[in-house]
Amino acid sequence: MIHFLDILSGHLAKTLTTLAGVFLVAMVALACANMILRAVWVPVQGTFELMGFMGAVVAAFSLAFAQRQRSHVAVGILLGRFSRTVRRLADAGTSLVSCAFFAFAGAETWKWAAFLVDTGELSETLTIVYYPFVFAAAFGCFALAFVLMVDTLKTLTSETVA
């Protein structure tokens, strides 16, 4: 079962990272178009707004992949002095606490997006609905929480230490 969850979390992380890459390419294209059009005619309206929305999606959709790749900063100076069991329990504990935090962050962000749907709030410059970007950020938090849960289970059931 843990193997299946690990494969699922890997596919989820890769899919979200691919989508983050698409949004990042769109951000680059928009920034270039804005710079060129600013020089020769008029800038693209709402560039700052769209860059913020897409940047939030890029950041949120990259979280799960970064966790899977262990591309975050980790300080092991203190834990390196403890036994393998203590290191495993500390790793599982931090993964579990992080999982709870990002599940909570995702739930609160989801509530905010639902509130935006109910109120019909629009963006200031372009007057577009922006709750889909907020839902995307919440989904990114949930995906990270899922990856962290799988990491916790793998740490508790394996013989190796991360």
N, C-alpha and C. Protein backbone atom coordinates (compact mmCIF):
# COMPACT_ATOMS: atom_id res chain seq x y z
N MET A 1 0.82 -1.20 0.00
CA MET A 1 0.00 0.00 0.00
C MET A 1 0.86 1.26 0.00
N ILE A 2 1.93 1.27 0.81
CA ILE A 2 2.80 2.45 0.85
C ILE A 2 3.49 2.64 -0.49
N HIS A 3 3.84 1.54 -1.13
CA HIS A 3 4.46 1.63 -2.46
C HIS A 3 3.51 2.29 -3.45
N PHE A 4 2.24 1.92 -3.42
CA PHE A 4 1.24 2.53 -4.30
C PHE A 4 1.11 4.02 -4.00
N LEU A 5 1.05 4.38 -2.72
CA LEU A 5 0.94 5.80 -2.34
C LEU A 5 2.18 6.58 -2.77
N ASP A 6 3.34 5.94 -2.69
CA ASP A 6 4.57 6.60 -3.11
C ASP A 6 4.55 6.86 -4.61
N ILE A 7 4.12 5.89 -5.39
CA ILE A 7 4.00 6.06 -6.84
C ILE A 7 2.99 7.15 -7.16
N LEU A 8 1.86 7.13 -6.47
CA LEU A 8 0.82 8.15 -6.68
C LEU A 8 1.34 9.54 -6.35
N SER A 9 2.06 9.68 -5.24
CA SER A 9 2.58 11.00 -4.87
C SER A 9 3.64 11.45 -5.88
N GLY A 10 4.40 10.52 -6.42
CA GLY A 10 5.38 10.87 -7.45
C GLY A 10 4.71 11.38 -8.72
N HIS A 11 3.65 10.70 -9.15
CA HIS A 11 2.93 11.15 -10.35
C HIS A 11 2.26 12.50 -10.11
N LEU A 12 1.68 12.67 -8.94
CA LEU A 12 1.04 13.95 -8.61
C LEU A 12 2.06 15.08 -8.62
N ALA A 13 3.21 14.85 -8.00
CA ALA A 13 4.25 15.88 -7.94
C ALA A 13 4.75 16.23 -9.34
N LYS A 14 4.97 15.23 -10.17
CA LYS A 14 5.46 15.49 -11.53
C LYS A 14 4.43 16.23 -12.37
N THR A 15 3.17 15.85 -12.23
CA THR A 15 2.11 16.52 -12.98
C THR A 15 2.00 17.99 -12.58
N LEU A 16 2.00 18.23 -11.28
CA LEU A 16 1.90 19.61 -10.81
C LEU A 16 3.13 20.42 -11.22
N THR A 17 4.30 19.82 -11.19
CA THR A 17 5.50 20.54 -11.60
C THR A 17 5.47 20.85 -13.09
N THR A 18 4.93 19.94 -13.87
CA THR A 18 4.78 20.22 -15.30
C THR A 18 3.85 21.41 -15.52
N LEU A 19 2.74 21.42 -14.80
CA LEU A 19 1.82 22.56 -14.90
C LEU A 19 2.50 23.85 -14.41
N ALA A 20 3.30 23.75 -13.36
CA ALA A 20 4.04 24.92 -12.87
C ALA A 20 4.98 25.42 -13.96
N GLY A 21 5.61 24.51 -14.68
CA GLY A 21 6.48 24.90 -15.78
C GLY A 21 5.74 25.61 -16.89
N VAL A 22 4.53 25.14 -17.19
CA VAL A 22 3.71 25.80 -18.21
C VAL A 22 3.38 27.23 -17.76
N PHE A 23 2.99 27.38 -16.50
CA PHE A 23 2.70 28.72 -15.99
C PHE A 23 3.95 29.59 -15.97
N LEU A 24 5.10 29.01 -15.69
CA LEU A 24 6.34 29.78 -15.68
C LEU A 24 6.70 30.26 -17.08
N VAL A 25 6.52 29.40 -18.07
CA VAL A 25 6.75 29.81 -19.46
C VAL A 25 5.79 30.93 -19.85
N ALA A 26 4.53 30.82 -19.42
CA ALA A 26 3.56 31.87 -19.69
C ALA A 26 3.97 33.19 -19.03
N MET A 27 4.52 33.09 -17.83
CA MET A 27 5.00 34.29 -17.14
C MET A 27 6.14 34.95 -17.91
N VAL A 28 7.07 34.14 -18.40
CA VAL A 28 8.20 34.67 -19.16
C VAL A 28 7.69 35.32 -20.46
N ALA A 29 6.78 34.63 -21.14
CA ALA A 29 6.23 35.18 -22.38
C ALA A 29 5.50 36.50 -22.12
N LEU A 30 4.73 36.56 -21.05
CA LEU A 30 4.01 37.79 -20.71
C LEU A 30 4.99 38.91 -20.37
N ALA A 31 6.02 38.59 -19.61
CA ALA A 31 7.01 39.62 -19.24
C ALA A 31 7.73 40.15 -20.49
N CYS A 32 8.12 39.24 -21.38
CA CYS A 32 8.79 39.68 -22.61
C CYS A 32 7.86 40.51 -23.49
N ALA A 33 6.63 40.04 -23.64
CA ALA A 33 5.66 40.80 -24.44
C ALA A 33 5.43 42.17 -23.84
N ASN A 34 5.35 42.25 -22.54
CA ASN A 34 5.13 43.53 -21.89
C ASN A 34 6.30 44.47 -22.12
N MET A 35 7.53 43.96 -22.01
CA MET A 35 8.71 44.81 -22.23
C MET A 35 8.79 45.30 -23.67
N ILE A 36 8.54 44.41 -24.61
CA ILE A 36 8.60 44.80 -26.02
C ILE A 36 7.50 45.79 -26.36
N LEU A 37 6.28 45.49 -25.94
CA LEU A 37 5.17 46.38 -26.25
C LEU A 37 5.30 47.72 -25.53
N ARG A 38 5.89 47.72 -24.36
CA ARG A 38 6.11 48.99 -23.64
C ARG A 38 7.07 49.88 -24.43
N ALA A 39 8.06 49.26 -25.09
CA ALA A 39 9.05 50.03 -25.83
C ALA A 39 8.51 50.57 -27.15
N VAL A 40 7.60 49.81 -27.77
CA VAL A 40 7.13 50.24 -29.10
C VAL A 40 5.71 50.79 -29.15
N TRP A 41 4.92 50.49 -28.14
CA TRP A 41 3.55 50.95 -28.19
C TRP A 41 3.03 51.18 -26.78
N VAL A 42 2.15 50.31 -26.29
CA VAL A 42 1.64 50.42 -24.92
C VAL A 42 1.86 49.09 -24.21
N PRO A 43 2.10 49.12 -22.91
CA PRO A 43 2.33 47.86 -22.19
C PRO A 43 1.05 47.03 -22.10
N VAL A 44 1.22 45.77 -21.81
CA VAL A 44 0.09 44.85 -21.62
C VAL A 44 -0.61 45.22 -20.31
N GLN A 45 -1.90 45.46 -20.38
CA GLN A 45 -2.66 45.81 -19.18
C GLN A 45 -2.75 44.62 -18.24
N GLY A 46 -2.56 44.86 -16.95
CA GLY A 46 -2.73 43.83 -15.94
C GLY A 46 -1.56 42.87 -15.81
N THR A 47 -0.41 43.23 -16.36
CA THR A 47 0.75 42.34 -16.28
C THR A 47 1.12 42.04 -14.84
N PHE A 48 1.17 43.06 -14.02
CA PHE A 48 1.54 42.87 -12.62
C PHE A 48 0.57 41.92 -11.92
N GLU A 49 -0.70 42.09 -12.20
CA GLU A 49 -1.75 41.24 -11.61
C GLU A 49 -1.59 39.78 -12.05
N LEU A 50 -1.46 39.58 -13.36
CA LEU A 50 -1.33 38.22 -13.89
C LEU A 50 -0.05 37.54 -13.42
N MET A 51 1.03 38.31 -13.33
CA MET A 51 2.29 37.74 -12.85
C MET A 51 2.13 37.26 -11.40
N GLY A 52 1.41 38.02 -10.60
CA GLY A 52 1.17 37.61 -9.22
C GLY A 52 0.35 36.34 -9.13
N PHE A 53 -0.72 36.27 -9.91
CA PHE A 53 -1.57 35.08 -9.89
C PHE A 53 -0.80 33.85 -10.37
N MET A 54 -0.11 34.00 -11.49
CA MET A 54 0.63 32.85 -12.03
C MET A 54 1.81 32.48 -11.13
N GLY A 55 2.43 33.46 -10.51
CA GLY A 55 3.53 33.19 -9.58
C GLY A 55 3.07 32.36 -8.38
N ALA A 56 1.87 32.65 -7.91
CA ALA A 56 1.32 31.88 -6.80
C ALA A 56 1.10 30.42 -7.21
N VAL A 57 0.62 30.21 -8.42
CA VAL A 57 0.40 28.85 -8.92
C VAL A 57 1.75 28.13 -9.09
N VAL A 58 2.73 28.82 -9.66
CA VAL A 58 4.05 28.21 -9.85
C VAL A 58 4.63 27.77 -8.50
N ALA A 59 4.57 28.65 -7.53
CA ALA A 59 5.11 28.32 -6.20
C ALA A 59 4.37 27.15 -5.57
N ALA A 60 3.04 27.20 -5.59
CA ALA A 60 2.24 26.16 -4.93
C ALA A 60 2.39 24.81 -5.62
N PHE A 61 2.44 24.81 -6.96
CA PHE A 61 2.53 23.55 -7.70
C PHE A 61 3.94 22.96 -7.66
N SER A 62 4.93 23.72 -7.23
CA SER A 62 6.30 23.22 -7.15
C SER A 62 6.63 22.59 -5.79
N LEU A 63 5.80 22.83 -4.80
CA LEU A 63 6.10 22.38 -3.44
C LEU A 63 6.25 20.86 -3.32
N ALA A 64 5.30 20.12 -3.87
CA ALA A 64 5.31 18.66 -3.72
C ALA A 64 6.54 18.06 -4.39
N PHE A 65 6.90 18.55 -5.56
CA PHE A 65 8.08 18.02 -6.26
C PHE A 65 9.35 18.34 -5.47
N ALA A 66 9.42 19.54 -4.92
CA ALA A 66 10.60 19.91 -4.12
C ALA A 66 10.74 18.99 -2.91
N GLN A 67 9.63 18.64 -2.29
CA GLN A 67 9.68 17.72 -1.15
C GLN A 67 10.11 16.33 -1.60
N ARG A 68 9.59 15.85 -2.71
CA ARG A 68 9.96 14.52 -3.21
C ARG A 68 11.45 14.45 -3.54
N GLN A 69 11.99 15.54 -4.07
CA GLN A 69 13.39 15.57 -4.46
C GLN A 69 14.32 15.93 -3.31
N ARG A 70 13.74 16.27 -2.17
CA ARG A 70 14.51 16.72 -0.99
C ARG A 70 15.40 17.91 -1.36
N SER A 71 14.82 18.83 -2.12
CA SER A 71 15.58 20.00 -2.56
C SER A 71 15.37 21.20 -1.65
N HIS A 72 15.06 20.94 -0.41
CA HIS A 72 14.91 21.99 0.58
C HIS A 72 16.12 21.98 1.51
N VAL A 73 16.22 23.01 2.29
CA VAL A 73 17.35 23.12 3.22
C VAL A 73 17.08 22.24 4.43
N ALA A 74 18.06 21.43 4.78
CA ALA A 74 17.95 20.57 5.96
C ALA A 74 19.24 20.71 6.77
N VAL A 75 19.07 20.84 8.05
CA VAL A 75 20.22 20.96 8.94
C VAL A 75 20.29 19.70 9.78
N GLY A 76 21.34 18.94 9.58
CA GLY A 76 21.47 17.66 10.28
C GLY A 76 22.63 17.61 11.26
N ILE A 77 23.16 18.75 11.62
CA ILE A 77 24.32 18.77 12.52
C ILE A 77 23.96 18.15 13.87
N LEU A 78 22.86 18.56 14.44
CA LEU A 78 22.47 18.07 15.76
C LEU A 78 21.99 16.62 15.69
N LEU A 79 21.12 16.31 14.73
CA LEU A 79 20.56 14.96 14.67
C LEU A 79 21.58 13.91 14.27
N GLY A 80 22.64 14.31 13.59
CA GLY A 80 23.66 13.36 13.18
C GLY A 80 24.34 12.68 14.35
N ARG A 81 24.22 13.23 15.53
CA ARG A 81 24.87 12.67 16.72
C ARG A 81 24.00 11.62 17.42
N PHE A 82 22.74 11.50 17.00
CA PHE A 82 21.83 10.57 17.66
C PHE A 82 21.78 9.24 16.93
N SER A 83 21.15 8.27 17.56
CA SER A 83 21.02 6.94 16.96
C SER A 83 20.07 6.98 15.76
N ARG A 84 20.11 5.91 14.98
CA ARG A 84 19.26 5.80 13.80
C ARG A 84 17.78 5.87 14.17
N THR A 85 17.39 5.26 15.27
CA THR A 85 15.99 5.28 15.70
C THR A 85 15.54 6.69 16.03
N VAL A 86 16.35 7.42 16.74
CA VAL A 86 16.00 8.81 17.10
C VAL A 86 15.90 9.67 15.84
N ARG A 87 16.83 9.47 14.91
CA ARG A 87 16.79 10.24 13.65
C ARG A 87 15.53 9.91 12.85
N ARG A 88 15.16 8.63 12.81
CA ARG A 88 13.94 8.24 12.09
C ARG A 88 12.71 8.85 12.74
N LEU A 89 12.64 8.79 14.05
CA LEU A 89 11.48 9.37 14.75
C LEU A 89 11.43 10.88 14.58
N ALA A 90 12.57 11.53 14.61
CA ALA A 90 12.60 12.99 14.40
C ALA A 90 12.17 13.33 12.98
N ASP A 91 12.64 12.56 12.02
CA ASP A 91 12.25 12.79 10.63
C ASP A 91 10.76 12.57 10.44
N ALA A 92 10.24 11.48 11.01
CA ALA A 92 8.80 11.20 10.91
C ALA A 92 7.99 12.28 11.61
N GLY A 93 8.47 12.72 12.77
CA GLY A 93 7.75 13.77 13.50
C GLY A 93 7.70 15.08 12.75
N THR A 94 8.83 15.50 12.16
CA THR A 94 8.82 16.75 11.42
C THR A 94 7.96 16.64 10.16
N SER A 95 7.99 15.48 9.51
CA SER A 95 7.13 15.28 8.34
C SER A 95 5.66 15.32 8.73
N LEU A 96 5.33 14.71 9.86
CA LEU A 96 3.95 14.70 10.31
C LEU A 96 3.45 16.09 10.69
N VAL A 97 4.26 16.84 11.41
CA VAL A 97 3.89 18.21 11.79
C VAL A 97 3.76 19.08 10.54
N SER A 98 4.69 18.92 9.60
CA SER A 98 4.62 19.68 8.35
C SER A 98 3.38 19.30 7.55
N CYS A 99 3.05 18.02 7.55
CA CYS A 99 1.84 17.54 6.86
C CYS A 99 0.60 18.20 7.45
N ALA A 100 0.51 18.24 8.77
CA ALA A 100 -0.64 18.87 9.42
C ALA A 100 -0.69 20.36 9.09
N PHE A 101 0.46 21.02 9.11
CA PHE A 101 0.49 22.45 8.81
C PHE A 101 -0.01 22.73 7.40
N PHE A 102 0.49 22.00 6.41
CA PHE A 102 0.09 22.27 5.03
C PHE A 102 -1.33 21.79 4.74
N ALA A 103 -1.82 20.79 5.44
CA ALA A 103 -3.23 20.42 5.30
C ALA A 103 -4.11 21.55 5.83
N PHE A 104 -3.71 22.13 6.97
CA PHE A 104 -4.44 23.26 7.52
C PHE A 104 -4.36 24.48 6.60
N ALA A 105 -3.17 24.76 6.07
CA ALA A 105 -3.00 25.89 5.15
C ALA A 105 -3.85 25.69 3.90
N GLY A 106 -3.88 24.47 3.39
CA GLY A 106 -4.70 24.18 2.22
C GLY A 106 -6.18 24.35 2.51
N ALA A 107 -6.63 23.89 3.68
CA ALA A 107 -8.05 24.02 4.04
C ALA A 107 -8.45 25.49 4.18
N GLU A 108 -7.60 26.27 4.84
CA GLU A 108 -7.91 27.69 5.01
C GLU A 108 -7.88 28.43 3.67
N THR A 109 -6.95 28.08 2.80
CA THR A 109 -6.89 28.71 1.48
C THR A 109 -8.10 28.30 0.65
N TRP A 110 -8.52 27.05 0.79
CA TRP A 110 -9.72 26.58 0.08
C TRP A 110 -10.95 27.37 0.55
N LYS A 111 -11.05 27.59 1.87
CA LYS A 111 -12.17 28.38 2.42
C LYS A 111 -12.16 29.79 1.85
N TRP A 112 -10.97 30.38 1.75
CA TRP A 112 -10.87 31.72 1.21
C TRP A 112 -11.32 31.74 -0.25
N ALA A 113 -10.91 30.74 -1.04
CA ALA A 113 -11.33 30.65 -2.43
C ALA A 113 -12.85 30.50 -2.53
N ALA A 114 -13.44 29.69 -1.66
CA ALA A 114 -14.90 29.52 -1.66
C ALA A 114 -15.58 30.84 -1.30
N PHE A 115 -15.00 31.60 -0.39
CA PHE A 115 -15.51 32.92 -0.03
C PHE A 115 -15.47 33.85 -1.25
N LEU A 116 -14.39 33.79 -2.01
CA LEU A 116 -14.27 34.62 -3.21
C LEU A 116 -15.32 34.24 -4.25
N VAL A 117 -15.62 32.96 -4.33
CA VAL A 117 -16.68 32.52 -5.25
C VAL A 117 -18.02 33.10 -4.80
N ASP A 118 -18.31 32.99 -3.50
CA ASP A 118 -19.58 33.48 -2.96
C ASP A 118 -19.75 34.98 -3.14
N THR A 119 -18.69 35.73 -2.93
CA THR A 119 -18.79 37.18 -3.02
C THR A 119 -18.67 37.69 -4.45
N GLY A 120 -18.16 36.86 -5.34
CA GLY A 120 -17.99 37.27 -6.72
C GLY A 120 -16.91 38.33 -6.91
N GLU A 121 -15.93 38.32 -6.02
CA GLU A 121 -14.87 39.33 -6.08
C GLU A 121 -14.04 39.17 -7.35
N LEU A 122 -13.68 40.32 -7.92
CA LEU A 122 -12.89 40.35 -9.15
C LEU A 122 -11.55 41.03 -8.88
N SER A 123 -10.60 40.77 -9.76
CA SER A 123 -9.30 41.43 -9.62
C SER A 123 -9.44 42.92 -9.91
N GLU A 124 -8.52 43.68 -9.38
CA GLU A 124 -8.65 45.14 -9.44
C GLU A 124 -8.44 45.72 -10.83
N THR A 125 -7.41 45.30 -11.53
CA THR A 125 -7.09 45.91 -12.82
C THR A 125 -7.86 45.29 -13.98
N LEU A 126 -7.82 43.98 -14.07
CA LEU A 126 -8.44 43.30 -15.21
C LEU A 126 -9.89 42.92 -14.95
N THR A 127 -10.32 43.03 -13.74
CA THR A 127 -11.66 42.62 -13.30
C THR A 127 -12.01 41.19 -13.77
N ILE A 128 -11.09 40.27 -13.50
CA ILE A 128 -11.33 38.86 -13.80
C ILE A 128 -11.52 38.12 -12.48
N VAL A 129 -12.21 37.00 -12.54
CA VAL A 129 -12.35 36.18 -11.34
C VAL A 129 -10.99 35.55 -11.07
N TYR A 130 -10.55 35.60 -9.84
CA TYR A 130 -9.25 35.04 -9.55
C TYR A 130 -9.30 33.91 -8.54
N TYR A 131 -10.50 33.48 -8.18
CA TYR A 131 -10.58 32.35 -7.25
C TYR A 131 -9.97 31.06 -7.81
N PRO A 132 -9.93 30.84 -9.14
CA PRO A 132 -9.26 29.61 -9.61
C PRO A 132 -7.78 29.55 -9.21
N PHE A 133 -7.12 30.69 -9.17
CA PHE A 133 -5.72 30.73 -8.75
C PHE A 133 -5.60 30.41 -7.26
N VAL A 134 -6.56 30.84 -6.48
CA VAL A 134 -6.55 30.56 -5.04
C VAL A 134 -6.84 29.09 -4.80
N PHE A 135 -7.79 28.52 -5.54
CA PHE A 135 -8.04 27.08 -5.45
C PHE A 135 -6.79 26.29 -5.85
N ALA A 136 -6.08 26.76 -6.87
CA ALA A 136 -4.84 26.09 -7.29
C ALA A 136 -3.80 26.12 -6.18
N ALA A 137 -3.68 27.26 -5.50
CA ALA A 137 -2.73 27.36 -4.38
C ALA A 137 -3.11 26.40 -3.26
N ALA A 138 -4.41 26.30 -2.98
CA ALA A 138 -4.87 25.36 -1.96
C ALA A 138 -4.56 23.92 -2.37
N PHE A 139 -4.77 23.61 -3.63
CA PHE A 139 -4.49 22.26 -4.11
C PHE A 139 -3.00 21.94 -3.99
N GLY A 140 -2.15 22.93 -4.26
CA GLY A 140 -0.71 22.74 -4.09
C GLY A 140 -0.35 22.42 -2.65
N CYS A 141 -1.01 23.09 -1.70
CA CYS A 141 -0.78 22.81 -0.28
C CYS A 141 -1.24 21.40 0.08
N PHE A 142 -2.41 21.00 -0.43
CA PHE A 142 -2.90 19.64 -0.18
C PHE A 142 -1.97 18.59 -0.78
N ALA A 143 -1.44 18.86 -1.97
CA ALA A 143 -0.52 17.92 -2.60
C ALA A 143 0.74 17.77 -1.76
N LEU A 144 1.26 18.88 -1.24
CA LEU A 144 2.43 18.80 -0.38
C LEU A 144 2.11 18.02 0.90
N ALA A 145 0.93 18.25 1.47
CA ALA A 145 0.54 17.51 2.67
C ALA A 145 0.48 16.01 2.39
N PHE A 146 -0.03 15.64 1.22
CA PHE A 146 -0.09 14.23 0.85
C PHE A 146 1.30 13.64 0.72
N VAL A 147 2.21 14.35 0.05
CA VAL A 147 3.59 13.87 -0.09
C VAL A 147 4.24 13.73 1.28
N LEU A 148 4.00 14.67 2.16
CA LEU A 148 4.57 14.60 3.51
C LEU A 148 3.99 13.43 4.31
N MET A 149 2.70 13.14 4.11
CA MET A 149 2.11 11.99 4.78
C MET A 149 2.76 10.69 4.29
N VAL A 150 2.97 10.59 2.98
CA VAL A 150 3.62 9.41 2.43
C VAL A 150 5.05 9.31 2.95
N ASP A 151 5.74 10.44 3.03
CA ASP A 151 7.10 10.44 3.59
C ASP A 151 7.10 9.95 5.04
N THR A 152 6.12 10.38 5.81
CA THR A 152 6.02 9.93 7.20
C THR A 152 5.84 8.42 7.27
N LEU A 153 4.93 7.90 6.46
CA LEU A 153 4.70 6.45 6.45
C LEU A 153 5.95 5.69 5.98
N LYS A 154 6.61 6.20 4.96
CA LYS A 154 7.83 5.53 4.49
C LYS A 154 8.92 5.55 5.55
N THR A 155 9.05 6.66 6.25
CA THR A 155 10.08 6.77 7.28
C THR A 155 9.80 5.81 8.44
N LEU A 156 8.55 5.70 8.83
CA LEU A 156 8.20 4.84 9.95
C LEU A 156 8.29 3.35 9.62
N THR A 157 8.15 2.99 8.34
CA THR A 157 8.12 1.58 7.97
C THR A 157 9.39 1.09 7.30
N SER A 158 10.34 1.98 7.04
CA SER A 158 11.55 1.54 6.35
C SER A 158 12.71 1.38 7.32
N GLU A 159 13.76 0.78 6.83
CA GLU A 159 14.95 0.57 7.65
C GLU A 159 16.00 1.65 7.43
N THR A 160 15.78 2.50 6.44
CA THR A 160 16.79 3.52 6.12
C THR A 160 16.40 4.85 6.73
N VAL A 161 17.38 5.70 6.87
CA VAL A 161 17.16 7.05 7.38
C VAL A 161 17.41 8.02 6.25
N ALA A 162 16.53 9.00 6.11
CA ALA A 162 16.68 10.00 5.05
C ALA A 162 17.84 10.92 5.35
